[in-house]
Amino acid sequence: MAAPCWVLRCCSCRRFQAQQAKRSRKWSCSVCGHAARFVLQLYGQGSGRDCRLHVQKLNLLQGDAEEAAARSARYGIVGLLCCSPS
Protein backbone atom coordinates (compact mmCIF):
# COMPACT_ATOMS: atom_id res chain seq x y z
CA MET A 1 0.00 0.00 0.00
CA ALA A 2 1.38 3.39 -0.97
CA ALA A 3 1.80 6.05 1.69
CA PRO A 4 -0.66 8.95 1.48
CA CYS A 5 0.61 12.34 0.33
CA TRP A 6 -0.24 15.92 1.17
CA VAL A 7 -0.34 19.01 -1.04
CA LEU A 8 1.38 21.84 0.86
CA ARG A 9 2.44 25.41 0.11
CA CYS A 10 5.68 27.01 1.30
CA CYS A 11 5.23 30.35 3.06
CA SER A 12 8.62 31.55 1.78
CA CYS A 13 8.69 30.74 -1.95
CA ARG A 14 4.88 30.29 -2.19
CA ARG A 15 5.19 27.14 -4.33
CA PHE A 16 2.92 24.15 -3.94
CA GLN A 17 4.50 20.73 -3.51
CA ALA A 18 3.56 17.17 -2.69
CA GLN A 19 5.03 15.65 0.45
CA GLN A 20 4.58 12.22 1.94
CA ALA A 21 2.28 12.35 4.97
CA LYS A 22 4.07 12.16 8.33
CA ARG A 23 2.89 11.79 11.90
CA SER A 24 5.00 14.71 13.10
CA ARG A 25 3.24 17.17 10.74
CA LYS A 26 6.57 18.96 10.19
CA TRP A 27 8.07 19.48 6.75
CA SER A 28 10.76 21.50 5.01
CA CYS A 29 10.49 23.02 1.56
CA SER A 30 12.34 21.05 -1.10
CA VAL A 31 12.32 24.04 -3.49
CA CYS A 32 13.83 26.84 -1.40
CA GLY A 33 15.12 24.81 1.57
CA HIS A 34 13.06 26.75 4.11
CA ALA A 35 13.49 25.25 7.60
CA ALA A 36 11.13 22.66 9.03
CA ARG A 37 7.70 24.14 9.61
CA PHE A 38 4.44 22.83 10.97
CA VAL A 39 1.73 22.09 8.43
CA LEU A 40 -0.69 25.02 8.61
CA GLN A 41 -3.03 24.11 5.76
CA LEU A 42 -3.52 21.09 3.53
CA TYR A 43 -4.47 21.95 -0.04
CA GLY A 44 -5.17 18.31 -0.85
CA GLN A 45 -4.36 14.76 0.10
CA GLY A 46 -4.45 11.39 -1.57
CA SER A 47 -2.18 9.16 -3.59
CA GLY A 48 1.19 10.41 -4.76
CA ARG A 49 0.10 10.54 -8.39
CA ASP A 50 -3.05 12.52 -7.64
CA CYS A 51 -1.16 14.98 -5.43
CA ARG A 52 1.55 15.56 -8.05
CA LEU A 53 -1.07 16.31 -10.70
CA HIS A 54 -2.85 18.69 -8.31
CA VAL A 55 0.46 20.44 -7.51
CA GLN A 56 1.18 20.92 -11.22
CA LYS A 57 -2.26 22.44 -11.75
CA LEU A 58 -1.99 24.76 -8.72
CA ASN A 59 1.52 25.96 -9.64
CA LEU A 60 0.43 26.58 -13.24
CA LEU A 61 -2.58 28.62 -12.09
CA GLN A 62 -0.41 30.58 -9.66
CA GLY A 63 2.16 31.26 -12.38
CA ASP A 64 -0.55 32.49 -14.75
CA ALA A 65 -1.93 34.81 -12.06
CA GLU A 66 1.54 36.20 -11.27
CA GLU A 67 2.19 36.74 -14.97
CA ALA A 68 -1.12 38.57 -15.43
CA ALA A 69 -0.42 40.77 -12.40
CA ALA A 70 3.05 41.64 -13.71
CA ARG A 71 1.63 42.39 -17.15
CA SER A 72 -1.07 44.67 -15.76
CA ALA A 73 1.47 46.43 -13.51
CA ARG A 74 3.78 46.93 -16.48
CA TYR A 75 1.16 48.34 -18.83
CA GLY A 76 -1.27 49.70 -16.27
CA ILE A 77 -4.94 50.36 -16.80
CA VAL A 78 -4.22 52.80 -19.65
CA GLY A 79 -2.52 50.07 -21.66
CA LEU A 80 -5.48 47.78 -21.20
CA LEU A 81 -7.94 50.47 -22.32
CA CYS A 82 -5.91 51.35 -25.41
CA CYS A 83 -5.99 47.77 -26.65
CA SER A 84 -9.74 47.29 -26.29
CA PRO A 85 -11.83 47.59 -29.47
CA SER A 86 -14.06 50.67 -29.81
C-alpha atoms as a PDB file:
ATOM      1  CA  MET A   1       0.000   0.000   0.000  1.00  0.00           C
ATOM      2  CA  ALA A   2       1.385   3.395  -0.967  1.00  0.00           C
ATOM      3  CA  ALA A   3       1.805   6.054   1.685  1.00  0.00           C
ATOM      4  CA  PRO A   4      -0.660   8.954   1.483  1.00  0.00           C
ATOM      5  CA  CYS A   5       0.611  12.336   0.334  1.00  0.00           C
ATOM      6  CA  TRP A   6      -0.240  15.919   1.165  1.00  0.00           C
ATOM      7  CA  VAL A   7      -0.335  19.007  -1.044  1.00  0.00           C
ATOM      8  CA  LEU A   8       1.381  21.840   0.856  1.00  0.00           C
ATOM      9  CA  ARG A   9       2.442  25.415   0.115  1.00  0.00           C
ATOM     10  CA  CYS A  10       5.681  27.012   1.298  1.00  0.00           C
ATOM     11  CA  CYS A  11       5.232  30.346   3.061  1.00  0.00           C
ATOM     12  CA  SER A  12       8.616  31.553   1.783  1.00  0.00           C
ATOM     13  CA  CYS A  13       8.687  30.739  -1.951  1.00  0.00           C
ATOM     14  CA  ARG A  14       4.884  30.287  -2.194  1.00  0.00           C
ATOM     15  CA  ARG A  15       5.191  27.141  -4.335  1.00  0.00           C
ATOM     16  CA  PHE A  16       2.923  24.151  -3.945  1.00  0.00           C
ATOM     17  CA  GLN A  17       4.497  20.731  -3.511  1.00  0.00           C
ATOM     18  CA  ALA A  18       3.556  17.166  -2.691  1.00  0.00           C
ATOM     19  CA  GLN A  19       5.029  15.651   0.452  1.00  0.00           C
ATOM     20  CA  GLN A  20       4.584  12.220   1.937  1.00  0.00           C
ATOM     21  CA  ALA A  21       2.276  12.352   4.970  1.00  0.00           C
ATOM     22  CA  LYS A  22       4.065  12.161   8.326  1.00  0.00           C
ATOM     23  CA  ARG A  23       2.894  11.793  11.898  1.00  0.00           C
ATOM     24  CA  SER A  24       5.003  14.712  13.104  1.00  0.00           C
ATOM     25  CA  ARG A  25       3.238  17.174  10.744  1.00  0.00           C
ATOM     26  CA  LYS A  26       6.570  18.963  10.186  1.00  0.00           C
ATOM     27  CA  TRP A  27       8.073  19.479   6.752  1.00  0.00           C
ATOM     28  CA  SER A  28      10.757  21.498   5.014  1.00  0.00           C
ATOM     29  CA  CYS A  29      10.495  23.022   1.560  1.00  0.00           C
ATOM     30  CA  SER A  30      12.339  21.051  -1.104  1.00  0.00           C
ATOM     31  CA  VAL A  31      12.316  24.042  -3.494  1.00  0.00           C
ATOM     32  CA  CYS A  32      13.833  26.844  -1.397  1.00  0.00           C
ATOM     33  CA  GLY A  33      15.122  24.811   1.571  1.00  0.00           C
ATOM     34  CA  HIS A  34      13.056  26.750   4.113  1.00  0.00           C
ATOM     35  CA  ALA A  35      13.494  25.246   7.599  1.00  0.00           C
ATOM     36  CA  ALA A  36      11.128  22.660   9.027  1.00  0.00           C
ATOM     37  CA  ARG A  37       7.695  24.140   9.612  1.00  0.00           C
ATOM     38  CA  PHE A  38       4.440  22.826  10.970  1.00  0.00           C
ATOM     39  CA  VAL A  39       1.731  22.090   8.431  1.00  0.00           C
ATOM     40  CA  LEU A  40      -0.687  25.018   8.608  1.00  0.00           C
ATOM     41  CA  GLN A  41      -3.026  24.107   5.759  1.00  0.00           C
ATOM     42  CA  LEU A  42      -3.520  21.087   3.535  1.00  0.00           C
ATOM     43  CA  TYR A  43      -4.466  21.947  -0.043  1.00  0.00           C
ATOM     44  CA  GLY A  44      -5.170  18.311  -0.852  1.00  0.00           C
ATOM     45  CA  GLN A  45      -4.362  14.758   0.097  1.00  0.00           C
ATOM     46  CA  GLY A  46      -4.449  11.389  -1.574  1.00  0.00           C
ATOM     47  CA  SER A  47      -2.180   9.156  -3.591  1.00  0.00           C
ATOM     48  CA  GLY A  48       1.192  10.414  -4.758  1.00  0.00           C
ATOM     49  CA  ARG A  49       0.104  10.538  -8.388  1.00  0.00           C
ATOM     50  CA  ASP A  50      -3.051  12.524  -7.644  1.00  0.00           C
ATOM     51  CA  CYS A  51      -1.159  14.982  -5.434  1.00  0.00           C
ATOM     52  CA  ARG A  52       1.550  15.562  -8.048  1.00  0.00           C
ATOM     53  CA  LEU A  53      -1.068  16.309 -10.704  1.00  0.00           C
ATOM     54  CA  HIS A  54      -2.846  18.687  -8.311  1.00  0.00           C
ATOM     55  CA  VAL A  55       0.462  20.437  -7.508  1.00  0.00           C
ATOM     56  CA  GLN A  56       1.179  20.916 -11.218  1.00  0.00           C
ATOM     57  CA  LYS A  57      -2.263  22.443 -11.748  1.00  0.00           C
ATOM     58  CA  LEU A  58      -1.990  24.762  -8.723  1.00  0.00           C
ATOM     59  CA  ASN A  59       1.520  25.962  -9.640  1.00  0.00           C
ATOM     60  CA  LEU A  60       0.429  26.577 -13.238  1.00  0.00           C
ATOM     61  CA  LEU A  61      -2.579  28.623 -12.095  1.00  0.00           C
ATOM     62  CA  GLN A  62      -0.409  30.576  -9.658  1.00  0.00           C
ATOM     63  CA  GLY A  63       2.162  31.255 -12.380  1.00  0.00           C
ATOM     64  CA  ASP A  64      -0.546  32.492 -14.746  1.00  0.00           C
ATOM     65  CA  ALA A  65      -1.932  34.808 -12.057  1.00  0.00           C
ATOM     66  CA  GLU A  66       1.539  36.204 -11.268  1.00  0.00           C
ATOM     67  CA  GLU A  67       2.194  36.743 -14.969  1.00  0.00           C
ATOM     68  CA  ALA A  68      -1.116  38.569 -15.432  1.00  0.00           C
ATOM     69  CA  ALA A  69      -0.418  40.766 -12.401  1.00  0.00           C
ATOM     70  CA  ALA A  70       3.045  41.636 -13.711  1.00  0.00           C
ATOM     71  CA  ARG A  71       1.628  42.389 -17.151  1.00  0.00           C
ATOM     72  CA  SER A  72      -1.073  44.672 -15.759  1.00  0.00           C
ATOM     73  CA  ALA A  73       1.471  46.427 -13.514  1.00  0.00           C
ATOM     74  CA  ARG A  74       3.781  46.929 -16.485  1.00  0.00           C
ATOM     75  CA  TYR A  75       1.160  48.337 -18.829  1.00  0.00           C
ATOM     76  CA  GLY A  76      -1.273  49.699 -16.270  1.00  0.00           C
ATOM     77  CA  ILE A  77      -4.939  50.363 -16.801  1.00  0.00           C
ATOM     78  CA  VAL A  78      -4.215  52.798 -19.647  1.00  0.00           C
ATOM     79  CA  GLY A  79      -2.518  50.069 -21.657  1.00  0.00           C
ATOM     80  CA  LEU A  80      -5.484  47.777 -21.199  1.00  0.00           C
ATOM     81  CA  LEU A  81      -7.937  50.467 -22.320  1.00  0.00           C
ATOM     82  CA  CYS A  82      -5.912  51.352 -25.413  1.00  0.00           C
ATOM     83  CA  CYS A  83      -5.985  47.769 -26.648  1.00  0.00           C
ATOM     84  CA  SER A  84      -9.742  47.291 -26.289  1.00  0.00           C
ATOM     85  CA  PRO A  85     -11.831  47.591 -29.466  1.00  0.00           C
ATOM     86  CA  SER A  86     -14.065  50.665 -29.806  1.00  0.00           C
END
